[in-house]
Amino acid sequence: MSKAIVLTSGGLDSATVLAVAHAAGKDCFSLSIDYGQRHRSELAAAERVAAQYTDVEHRVVTLDLSFLSGSALTDASVAVPTTPSAGIPVTYVPARNTIFLSLALGWAEVLGADELYIGANAVDYSGYPDCRPEFIEAFSAMSSLATKAGVEGHPIRVEAPIIDMSKADIIQLGMRLGVDYALTVSCYQADSLGRACGVCDSCRLRRDGFAAAGVPDPTHYSDSSTA
């Protein structure tokens, strides 16, 4: 059985990707990053998602990215936008997926894993440059050059199985795989109980995805939400 590192944020996309890797028979290792993000509810959600699988090891790595100011996800002084953004939004965290994949790559070498799974999505996404197929391909090429495993002829592949799927398609895939989306948190500014604001870009994409998929939205919204 080949080993796979799955980046697990606690959101809808990564929960689906973990289910995809597990259903493919991979020996999965779930990795979440506590990077000083705006709320910790997504980390609790990641733990819940991984705990559904008794054979999945889940690890949280602490990495303070709060010095990357200017992002609404790491800088409390920057408001989370409640309307769709033009271009790259203020919720973009500089180099986040590059950093996360690099940590996963290092762990993969330690464990002898063959693959890294990430829930990057280039269709229903918010304009993040590190969610594009070009980025995934470039990181895969880099990993072959920069690792002992790659130099010795055992490159570690980056898998992004939902990158070309709509949010509705992702949800339908997850439903077939038994994903419990009520466990997940996608909101950029969820409260301490994991309840969604209902108005941020991530909430909008999630809500529209469930509607398009014809699946009841299991999201827990805050009392003040307009959802």
Protein backbone atom coordinates (compact mmCIF):
# COMPACT_ATOMS: atom_id res chain seq x y z
CA MET A 1 0.00 0.00 0.00
CA SER A 2 1.51 3.34 -1.04
CA LYS A 3 1.59 6.21 1.44
CA ALA A 4 0.11 9.65 0.81
CA ILE A 5 0.27 12.93 2.70
CA VAL A 6 -3.07 14.76 2.51
CA LEU A 7 -3.19 18.46 3.34
CA THR A 8 -6.33 18.77 5.45
CA SER A 9 -7.57 22.27 6.21
CA GLY A 10 -10.93 21.32 7.68
CA GLY A 11 -12.82 22.70 4.68
CA LEU A 12 -15.05 21.07 2.11
CA ASP A 13 -12.42 20.59 -0.59
CA SER A 14 -9.72 18.95 1.53
CA ALA A 15 -12.28 16.68 3.21
CA THR A 16 -13.25 15.44 -0.24
CA VAL A 17 -9.63 14.93 -1.28
CA LEU A 18 -8.91 12.92 1.88
CA ALA A 19 -11.88 10.72 1.01
CA VAL A 20 -10.58 10.32 -2.57
CA ALA A 21 -7.12 9.27 -1.39
CA HIS A 22 -8.53 6.89 1.20
CA ALA A 23 -10.95 5.32 -1.28
CA ALA A 24 -8.02 4.79 -3.65
CA GLY A 25 -6.45 2.54 -1.04
CA LYS A 26 -3.70 4.92 0.04
CA ASP A 27 -2.15 4.75 3.49
CA CYS A 28 -3.13 8.31 4.37
CA PHE A 29 -1.37 10.75 6.66
CA SER A 30 -3.39 13.91 7.27
CA LEU A 31 -1.49 17.17 7.75
CA SER A 32 -2.96 20.44 9.02
CA ILE A 33 -1.10 23.70 9.54
CA ASP A 34 -1.74 26.03 12.46
CA TYR A 35 -0.33 29.11 10.76
CA GLY A 36 -1.86 31.91 12.81
CA GLN A 37 -5.02 31.95 10.76
CA ARG A 38 -7.96 34.14 11.67
CA HIS A 39 -9.80 31.39 13.56
CA ARG A 40 -9.01 27.94 14.90
CA SER A 41 -12.38 26.39 14.08
CA GLU A 42 -11.01 24.98 10.83
CA LEU A 43 -8.30 23.12 12.76
CA ALA A 44 -10.94 21.51 14.96
CA ALA A 45 -12.85 20.62 11.80
CA ALA A 46 -9.74 19.05 10.25
CA GLU A 47 -9.35 16.87 13.32
CA ARG A 48 -12.99 15.77 13.07
CA VAL A 49 -12.65 14.99 9.38
CA ALA A 50 -9.51 12.89 9.85
CA ALA A 51 -10.97 11.11 12.88
CA GLN A 52 -13.64 9.53 10.66
CA TYR A 53 -10.92 7.18 9.43
CA THR A 54 -9.47 4.97 12.15
CA ASP A 55 -6.43 4.18 9.99
CA VAL A 56 -5.46 7.79 9.25
CA GLU A 57 -2.77 9.54 11.29
CA HIS A 58 -3.49 13.24 11.74
CA ARG A 59 -0.81 15.76 12.61
CA VAL A 60 -0.94 19.52 13.21
CA VAL A 61 2.20 21.57 12.58
CA THR A 62 2.48 25.03 14.12
CA LEU A 63 3.94 27.67 11.84
CA ASP A 64 3.51 31.37 12.55
CA LEU A 65 2.76 33.19 9.32
CA SER A 66 1.28 36.23 11.03
CA PHE A 67 4.27 38.28 9.84
CA LEU A 68 2.83 37.96 6.33
CA SER A 69 0.69 41.02 6.92
CA GLY A 70 -1.90 42.32 4.52
CA SER A 71 -3.93 39.14 4.23
CA ALA A 72 -7.35 39.06 5.83
CA LEU A 73 -6.62 35.49 6.98
CA THR A 74 -3.46 36.34 8.95
CA ASP A 75 -3.88 40.02 9.79
CA ALA A 76 -6.73 40.87 12.17
CA SER A 77 -6.60 44.51 11.08
CA VAL A 78 -7.71 43.56 7.55
CA ALA A 79 -11.45 42.96 7.16
CA VAL A 80 -12.74 39.86 5.42
CA PRO A 81 -14.58 41.06 2.29
CA THR A 82 -18.28 40.30 2.00
CA THR A 83 -18.56 40.91 -1.74
CA PRO A 84 -16.75 39.12 -4.59
CA SER A 85 -13.29 40.55 -5.23
CA ALA A 86 -11.79 41.54 -8.55
CA GLY A 87 -8.39 40.00 -9.21
CA ILE A 88 -6.46 38.34 -6.39
CA PRO A 89 -8.46 38.93 -3.20
CA VAL A 90 -7.23 40.21 0.15
CA THR A 91 -7.81 36.72 1.59
CA TYR A 92 -4.78 35.48 -0.37
CA VAL A 93 -1.94 34.45 1.96
CA PRO A 94 1.44 34.91 0.23
CA ALA A 95 2.98 31.60 -0.86
CA ARG A 96 0.69 29.60 1.46
CA ASN A 97 0.26 26.52 -0.72
CA THR A 98 3.96 26.56 -1.57
CA ILE A 99 4.81 26.54 2.14
CA PHE A 100 2.22 23.89 2.99
CA LEU A 101 3.27 21.58 0.18
CA SER A 102 6.91 22.00 1.17
CA LEU A 103 6.10 20.84 4.71
CA ALA A 104 4.12 17.91 3.29
CA LEU A 105 7.03 17.10 0.97
CA GLY A 106 9.45 16.93 3.86
CA TRP A 107 7.15 14.65 5.84
CA ALA A 108 6.67 12.49 2.75
CA GLU A 109 10.43 11.93 2.56
CA VAL A 110 10.53 10.96 6.22
CA LEU A 111 7.67 8.48 5.83
CA GLY A 112 8.61 7.21 2.38
CA ALA A 113 5.33 8.47 0.93
CA ASP A 114 4.82 8.54 -2.82
CA GLU A 115 2.20 11.27 -3.15
CA LEU A 116 1.00 14.59 -1.78
CA TYR A 117 -2.71 15.34 -2.03
CA ILE A 118 -4.02 18.89 -2.02
CA GLY A 119 -7.54 20.26 -2.40
CA ALA A 120 -6.58 23.05 -4.82
CA ASN A 121 -9.41 23.97 -7.15
CA ALA A 122 -9.11 26.21 -10.21
CA VAL A 123 -12.79 26.40 -11.20
CA ASP A 124 -14.87 27.64 -8.25
CA TYR A 125 -12.03 29.45 -6.53
CA SER A 126 -11.31 33.01 -5.43
CA GLY A 127 -8.48 33.92 -7.78
CA TYR A 128 -5.59 32.40 -5.84
CA PRO A 129 -2.54 31.88 -8.10
CA ASP A 130 -1.46 28.81 -6.11
CA CYS A 131 -4.67 26.95 -6.94
CA ARG A 132 -3.89 26.73 -10.67
CA PRO A 133 -2.78 23.59 -12.55
CA GLU A 134 0.39 25.43 -13.62
CA PHE A 135 1.41 25.80 -9.99
CA ILE A 136 0.77 22.13 -9.18
CA GLU A 137 2.80 21.05 -12.21
CA ALA A 138 5.66 23.40 -11.31
CA PHE A 139 5.78 22.22 -7.69
CA SER A 140 5.81 18.59 -8.83
CA ALA A 141 8.76 19.32 -11.10
CA MET A 142 10.58 21.12 -8.30
CA SER A 143 9.99 18.26 -5.86
CA SER A 144 11.70 15.84 -8.22
CA LEU A 145 14.79 18.06 -8.28
CA ALA A 146 14.91 19.10 -4.64
CA THR A 147 14.52 15.81 -2.76
CA LYS A 148 16.66 12.78 -2.07
CA ALA A 149 13.73 10.61 -3.19
CA GLY A 150 13.51 12.43 -6.51
CA VAL A 151 17.26 12.32 -7.20
CA GLU A 152 17.27 8.58 -6.47
CA GLY A 153 14.50 7.97 -8.99
CA HIS A 154 11.47 7.94 -6.72
CA PRO A 155 9.79 11.31 -7.29
CA ILE A 156 7.01 12.32 -4.95
CA ARG A 157 3.97 13.23 -7.02
CA VAL A 158 1.52 16.03 -6.24
CA GLU A 159 -2.09 14.99 -6.77
CA ALA A 160 -4.85 17.60 -7.08
CA PRO A 161 -7.84 15.40 -7.94
CA ILE A 162 -10.49 18.14 -7.78
CA ILE A 163 -8.57 20.92 -9.50
CA ASP A 164 -10.77 20.93 -12.61
CA MET A 165 -14.08 20.26 -10.86
CA SER A 166 -16.88 22.69 -10.02
CA LYS A 167 -17.91 23.03 -6.40
CA ALA A 168 -21.10 21.13 -7.18
CA ASP A 169 -19.12 18.27 -8.74
CA ILE A 170 -16.83 18.17 -5.71
CA ILE A 171 -19.80 17.91 -3.36
CA GLN A 172 -21.44 15.19 -5.43
CA LEU A 173 -18.17 13.24 -5.46
CA GLY A 174 -17.86 13.61 -1.71
CA MET A 175 -21.40 12.45 -1.15
CA ARG A 176 -20.67 9.29 -3.14
CA LEU A 177 -17.63 8.72 -0.93
CA GLY A 178 -19.56 9.27 2.27
CA VAL A 179 -18.08 12.63 3.30
CA ASP A 180 -19.96 14.25 6.18
CA TYR A 181 -19.81 17.90 5.19
CA ALA A 182 -21.46 18.93 8.44
CA LEU A 183 -18.06 18.30 10.05
CA THR A 184 -16.30 20.81 7.82
CA VAL A 185 -15.74 24.56 8.17
CA SER A 186 -15.09 26.69 5.09
CA CYS A 187 -15.88 30.19 6.36
CA TYR A 188 -13.07 32.75 6.43
CA GLN A 189 -14.38 34.21 9.69
CA ALA A 190 -16.18 31.38 11.48
CA ASP A 191 -16.89 31.95 15.16
CA SER A 192 -15.45 29.93 18.06
CA LEU A 193 -18.19 27.32 17.59
CA GLY A 194 -17.33 26.88 13.92
CA ARG A 195 -20.46 28.66 12.73
CA ALA A 196 -20.19 30.35 9.35
CA CYS A 197 -20.78 34.03 8.67
CA GLY A 198 -22.71 33.29 5.48
CA VAL A 199 -21.46 36.40 3.69
CA CYS A 200 -17.76 35.90 2.88
CA ASP A 201 -16.57 34.66 -0.50
CA SER A 202 -15.89 31.15 0.80
CA CYS A 203 -19.39 30.91 2.29
CA ARG A 204 -20.90 32.08 -1.00
CA LEU A 205 -19.01 29.50 -3.06
CA ARG A 206 -19.92 26.74 -0.59
CA ARG A 207 -23.61 27.68 -0.42
CA ASP A 208 -23.90 27.99 -4.22
CA GLY A 209 -22.13 24.63 -4.60
CA PHE A 210 -24.63 22.78 -2.44
CA ALA A 211 -27.52 24.44 -4.28
CA ALA A 212 -26.08 23.50 -7.69
CA ALA A 213 -25.39 19.94 -6.50
CA GLY A 214 -28.96 19.54 -5.28
CA VAL A 215 -27.69 18.62 -1.82
CA PRO A 216 -29.06 20.17 1.40
CA ASP A 217 -26.56 22.60 2.88
CA PRO A 218 -25.39 21.20 6.26
CA THR A 219 -23.41 24.33 7.15
CA HIS A 220 -23.86 25.65 10.67
CA TYR A 221 -24.46 29.41 10.35
CA SER A 222 -24.17 31.98 13.11
CA ASP A 223 -27.29 33.61 14.49
CA SER A 224 -26.33 36.88 12.80
CA SER A 225 -25.74 35.26 9.43
CA THR A 226 -27.76 36.41 6.43
CA ALA A 227 -27.54 32.95 4.81
